[in-house]
């Protein structure tokens, strides 16, 4: 059974930092690309970034590039999202997921709130 368990969300002021974690199970993590997504209130879920297996090549959405960093620990089957210089527009529930694993499954997400 495929599972994603996200954690690390919190309420922080603008300019703050957070590190999100996503522990996975039920599939071959070492061979899977991993994505982070986010969904703000009343908005559609949007892509944040991706990291490839083996070499850990990353790509990011324009809105987070230069501020967010994806990394992975294959031994722990965990993917991370380091978020720096957070802005109010980053407020959302954050999810991880592997696009190559079927059926598509989502975890519960972790809430990030950026406010003064």
C-alpha atoms as a PDB file:
ATOM      1  CA  UNK A   1       0.000   0.000   0.000  1.00  0.00           C
ATOM      2  CA  UNK A   2       1.458   3.309  -1.108  1.00  0.00           C
ATOM      3  CA  UNK A   3       1.669   5.879   1.675  1.00  0.00           C
ATOM      4  CA  UNK A   4       2.993   9.416   2.012  1.00  0.00           C
ATOM      5  CA  UNK A   5       3.261  11.020   5.445  1.00  0.00           C
ATOM      6  CA  UNK A   6       4.099  14.716   5.343  1.00  0.00           C
ATOM      7  CA  UNK A   7       5.220  16.690   8.392  1.00  0.00           C
ATOM      8  CA  UNK A   8       7.042  19.830   9.444  1.00  0.00           C
ATOM      9  CA  UNK A   9       4.427  22.446   8.639  1.00  0.00           C
ATOM     10  CA  UNK A  10       3.961  25.380  11.004  1.00  0.00           C
ATOM     11  CA  UNK A  11       3.005  29.018  11.249  1.00  0.00           C
ATOM     12  CA  UNK A  12       5.963  31.356  10.576  1.00  0.00           C
ATOM     13  CA  UNK A  13       6.435  35.077   9.885  1.00  0.00           C
ATOM     14  CA  UNK A  14       7.407  36.351   6.424  1.00  0.00           C
ATOM     15  CA  UNK A  15      11.084  35.735   5.784  1.00  0.00           C
ATOM     16  CA  UNK A  16      11.109  32.625   7.939  1.00  0.00           C
ATOM     17  CA  UNK A  17      12.202  29.104   7.054  1.00  0.00           C
ATOM     18  CA  UNK A  18      10.767  25.620   7.376  1.00  0.00           C
ATOM     19  CA  UNK A  19      11.859  22.120   6.451  1.00  0.00           C
ATOM     20  CA  UNK A  20       9.130  19.722   5.417  1.00  0.00           C
ATOM     21  CA  UNK A  21       9.566  15.952   5.413  1.00  0.00           C
ATOM     22  CA  UNK A  22       7.697  13.225   3.559  1.00  0.00           C
ATOM     23  CA  UNK A  23       8.180   9.644   4.654  1.00  0.00           C
ATOM     24  CA  UNK A  24       7.094   7.116   2.049  1.00  0.00           C
ATOM     25  CA  UNK A  25       6.292   3.410   1.918  1.00  0.00           C
ATOM     26  CA  UNK A  26       4.788   0.812  -0.385  1.00  0.00           C
ATOM     27  CA  UNK A  27       6.872   1.403  -3.531  1.00  0.00           C
ATOM     28  CA  UNK A  28      10.469   1.416  -4.794  1.00  0.00           C
ATOM     29  CA  UNK A  29      11.488   4.850  -3.509  1.00  0.00           C
ATOM     30  CA  UNK A  30      15.068   4.611  -4.795  1.00  0.00           C
ATOM     31  CA  UNK A  31      13.824   4.398  -8.391  1.00  0.00           C
ATOM     32  CA  UNK A  32      11.100   7.011  -8.145  1.00  0.00           C
ATOM     33  CA  UNK A  33      11.085  10.702  -8.913  1.00  0.00           C
ATOM     34  CA  UNK A  34       9.430  12.626  -6.099  1.00  0.00           C
ATOM     35  CA  UNK A  35       7.353  15.781  -6.395  1.00  0.00           C
ATOM     36  CA  UNK A  36       6.083  18.359  -3.935  1.00  0.00           C
ATOM     37  CA  UNK A  37       2.763  20.112  -4.529  1.00  0.00           C
ATOM     38  CA  UNK A  38       0.784  22.683  -2.582  1.00  0.00           C
ATOM     39  CA  UNK A  39      -2.824  23.763  -2.368  1.00  0.00           C
ATOM     40  CA  UNK A  40      -3.886  27.132  -1.043  1.00  0.00           C
ATOM     41  CA  UNK A  41      -7.451  27.816   0.118  1.00  0.00           C
ATOM     42  CA  UNK A  42      -9.901  28.046  -2.819  1.00  0.00           C
ATOM     43  CA  UNK A  43      -7.117  27.307  -5.312  1.00  0.00           C
ATOM     44  CA  UNK A  44      -6.128  24.275  -7.339  1.00  0.00           C
ATOM     45  CA  UNK A  45      -3.222  22.102  -6.301  1.00  0.00           C
ATOM     46  CA  UNK A  46      -0.016  23.337  -7.910  1.00  0.00           C
ATOM     47  CA  UNK A  47       3.386  21.829  -8.639  1.00  0.00           C
ATOM     48  CA  UNK A  48       6.240  23.068  -6.460  1.00  0.00           C
ATOM     49  CA  UNK A  49       9.244  20.982  -7.459  1.00  0.00           C
ATOM     50  CA  UNK A  50      10.635  17.588  -8.385  1.00  0.00           C
ATOM     51  CA  UNK A  51      13.743  15.528  -7.674  1.00  0.00           C
ATOM     52  CA  UNK A  52      14.942  12.627  -9.790  1.00  0.00           C
ATOM     53  CA  UNK A  53      16.156   9.286  -8.454  1.00  0.00           C
ATOM     54  CA  UNK A  54      19.855   8.344  -8.401  1.00  0.00           C
ATOM     55  CA  UNK A  55      21.401  11.764  -9.173  1.00  0.00           C
ATOM     56  CA  UNK A  56      18.874  13.950  -7.393  1.00  0.00           C
ATOM     57  CA  UNK A  57      18.440  16.478 -10.197  1.00  0.00           C
ATOM     58  CA  UNK A  58      15.881  19.102  -9.192  1.00  0.00           C
ATOM     59  CA  UNK A  59      13.457  21.431 -10.937  1.00  0.00           C
ATOM     60  CA  UNK A  60      11.212  24.072  -9.399  1.00  0.00           C
ATOM     61  CA  UNK A  61       8.229  26.213 -10.223  1.00  0.00           C
ATOM     62  CA  UNK A  62       9.005  29.821 -11.010  1.00  0.00           C
ATOM     63  CA  UNK A  63       7.299  31.001  -7.837  1.00  0.00           C
ATOM     64  CA  UNK A  64       9.664  29.118  -5.495  1.00  0.00           C
ATOM     65  CA  UNK A  65      12.898  28.856  -7.490  1.00  0.00           C
ATOM     66  CA  UNK A  66      15.825  30.243  -5.532  1.00  0.00           C
ATOM     67  CA  UNK A  67      13.986  29.948  -2.200  1.00  0.00           C
ATOM     68  CA  UNK A  68      13.017  26.259  -1.943  1.00  0.00           C
ATOM     69  CA  UNK A  69      15.296  23.208  -2.153  1.00  0.00           C
ATOM     70  CA  UNK A  70      14.327  19.562  -2.572  1.00  0.00           C
ATOM     71  CA  UNK A  71      16.512  16.750  -1.269  1.00  0.00           C
ATOM     72  CA  UNK A  72      16.091  13.043  -0.629  1.00  0.00           C
ATOM     73  CA  UNK A  73      17.428  10.334   1.661  1.00  0.00           C
ATOM     74  CA  UNK A  74      17.005   6.991  -0.079  1.00  0.00           C
ATOM     75  CA  UNK A  75      17.957   5.005   3.035  1.00  0.00           C
ATOM     76  CA  UNK A  76      15.072   6.630   4.914  1.00  0.00           C
ATOM     77  CA  UNK A  77      12.711   6.676   1.900  1.00  0.00           C
ATOM     78  CA  UNK A  78      12.163  10.316   2.691  1.00  0.00           C
ATOM     79  CA  UNK A  79      12.028  13.474   0.605  1.00  0.00           C
ATOM     80  CA  UNK A  80      12.536  16.939   2.056  1.00  0.00           C
ATOM     81  CA  UNK A  81      11.514  20.459   1.121  1.00  0.00           C
ATOM     82  CA  UNK A  82      13.643  23.233   2.591  1.00  0.00           C
ATOM     83  CA  UNK A  83      11.778  26.515   2.331  1.00  0.00           C
ATOM     84  CA  UNK A  84      13.567  29.810   2.929  1.00  0.00           C
ATOM     85  CA  UNK A  85      12.472  33.450   2.716  1.00  0.00           C
ATOM     86  CA  UNK A  86       8.847  32.398   3.043  1.00  0.00           C
ATOM     87  CA  UNK A  87       6.140  34.736   1.773  1.00  0.00           C
ATOM     88  CA  UNK A  88       2.419  34.983   2.617  1.00  0.00           C
ATOM     89  CA  UNK A  89       1.656  33.541  -0.857  1.00  0.00           C
ATOM     90  CA  UNK A  90       3.418  30.335   0.240  1.00  0.00           C
ATOM     91  CA  UNK A  91       0.569  29.648   2.674  1.00  0.00           C
ATOM     92  CA  UNK A  92      -0.900  26.283   1.676  1.00  0.00           C
ATOM     93  CA  UNK A  93      -1.150  22.608   2.492  1.00  0.00           C
ATOM     94  CA  UNK A  94       1.935  20.866   1.131  1.00  0.00           C
ATOM     95  CA  UNK A  95       1.888  17.341  -0.309  1.00  0.00           C
ATOM     96  CA  UNK A  96       4.466  14.956  -1.725  1.00  0.00           C
ATOM     97  CA  UNK A  97       3.830  12.294  -4.342  1.00  0.00           C
ATOM     98  CA  UNK A  98       5.638  10.193  -6.894  1.00  0.00           C
ATOM     99  CA  UNK A  99       4.194  10.755 -10.392  1.00  0.00           C
ATOM    100  CA  UNK A 100       5.315   7.299 -11.538  1.00  0.00           C
ATOM    101  CA  UNK A 101       3.502   5.359  -8.825  1.00  0.00           C
ATOM    102  CA  UNK A 102      -0.015   4.173  -9.668  1.00  0.00           C
ATOM    103  CA  UNK A 103      -2.737   4.462  -8.605  1.00  0.00           C
ATOM    104  CA  UNK A 104      -2.299   8.123  -7.715  1.00  0.00           C
ATOM    105  CA  UNK A 105      -2.327   8.450  -3.942  1.00  0.00           C
ATOM    106  CA  UNK A 106      -2.139  11.514  -1.692  1.00  0.00           C
ATOM    107  CA  UNK A 107      -1.192  11.871   1.938  1.00  0.00           C
ATOM    108  CA  UNK A 108      -2.857  14.178   4.409  1.00  0.00           C
ATOM    109  CA  UNK A 109      -0.449  17.018   3.709  1.00  0.00           C
ATOM    110  CA  UNK A 110       1.113  19.463   6.144  1.00  0.00           C
ATOM    111  CA  UNK A 111      -0.107  23.021   6.711  1.00  0.00           C
ATOM    112  CA  UNK A 112       2.261  25.944   6.174  1.00  0.00           C
ATOM    113  CA  UNK A 113       1.036  29.382   7.207  1.00  0.00           C
ATOM    114  CA  UNK A 114       3.106  32.508   6.570  1.00  0.00           C
ATOM    115  CA  UNK A 115       1.769  35.532   8.411  1.00  0.00           C
ATOM    116  CA  UNK A 116       2.957  38.377  10.615  1.00  0.00           C
END
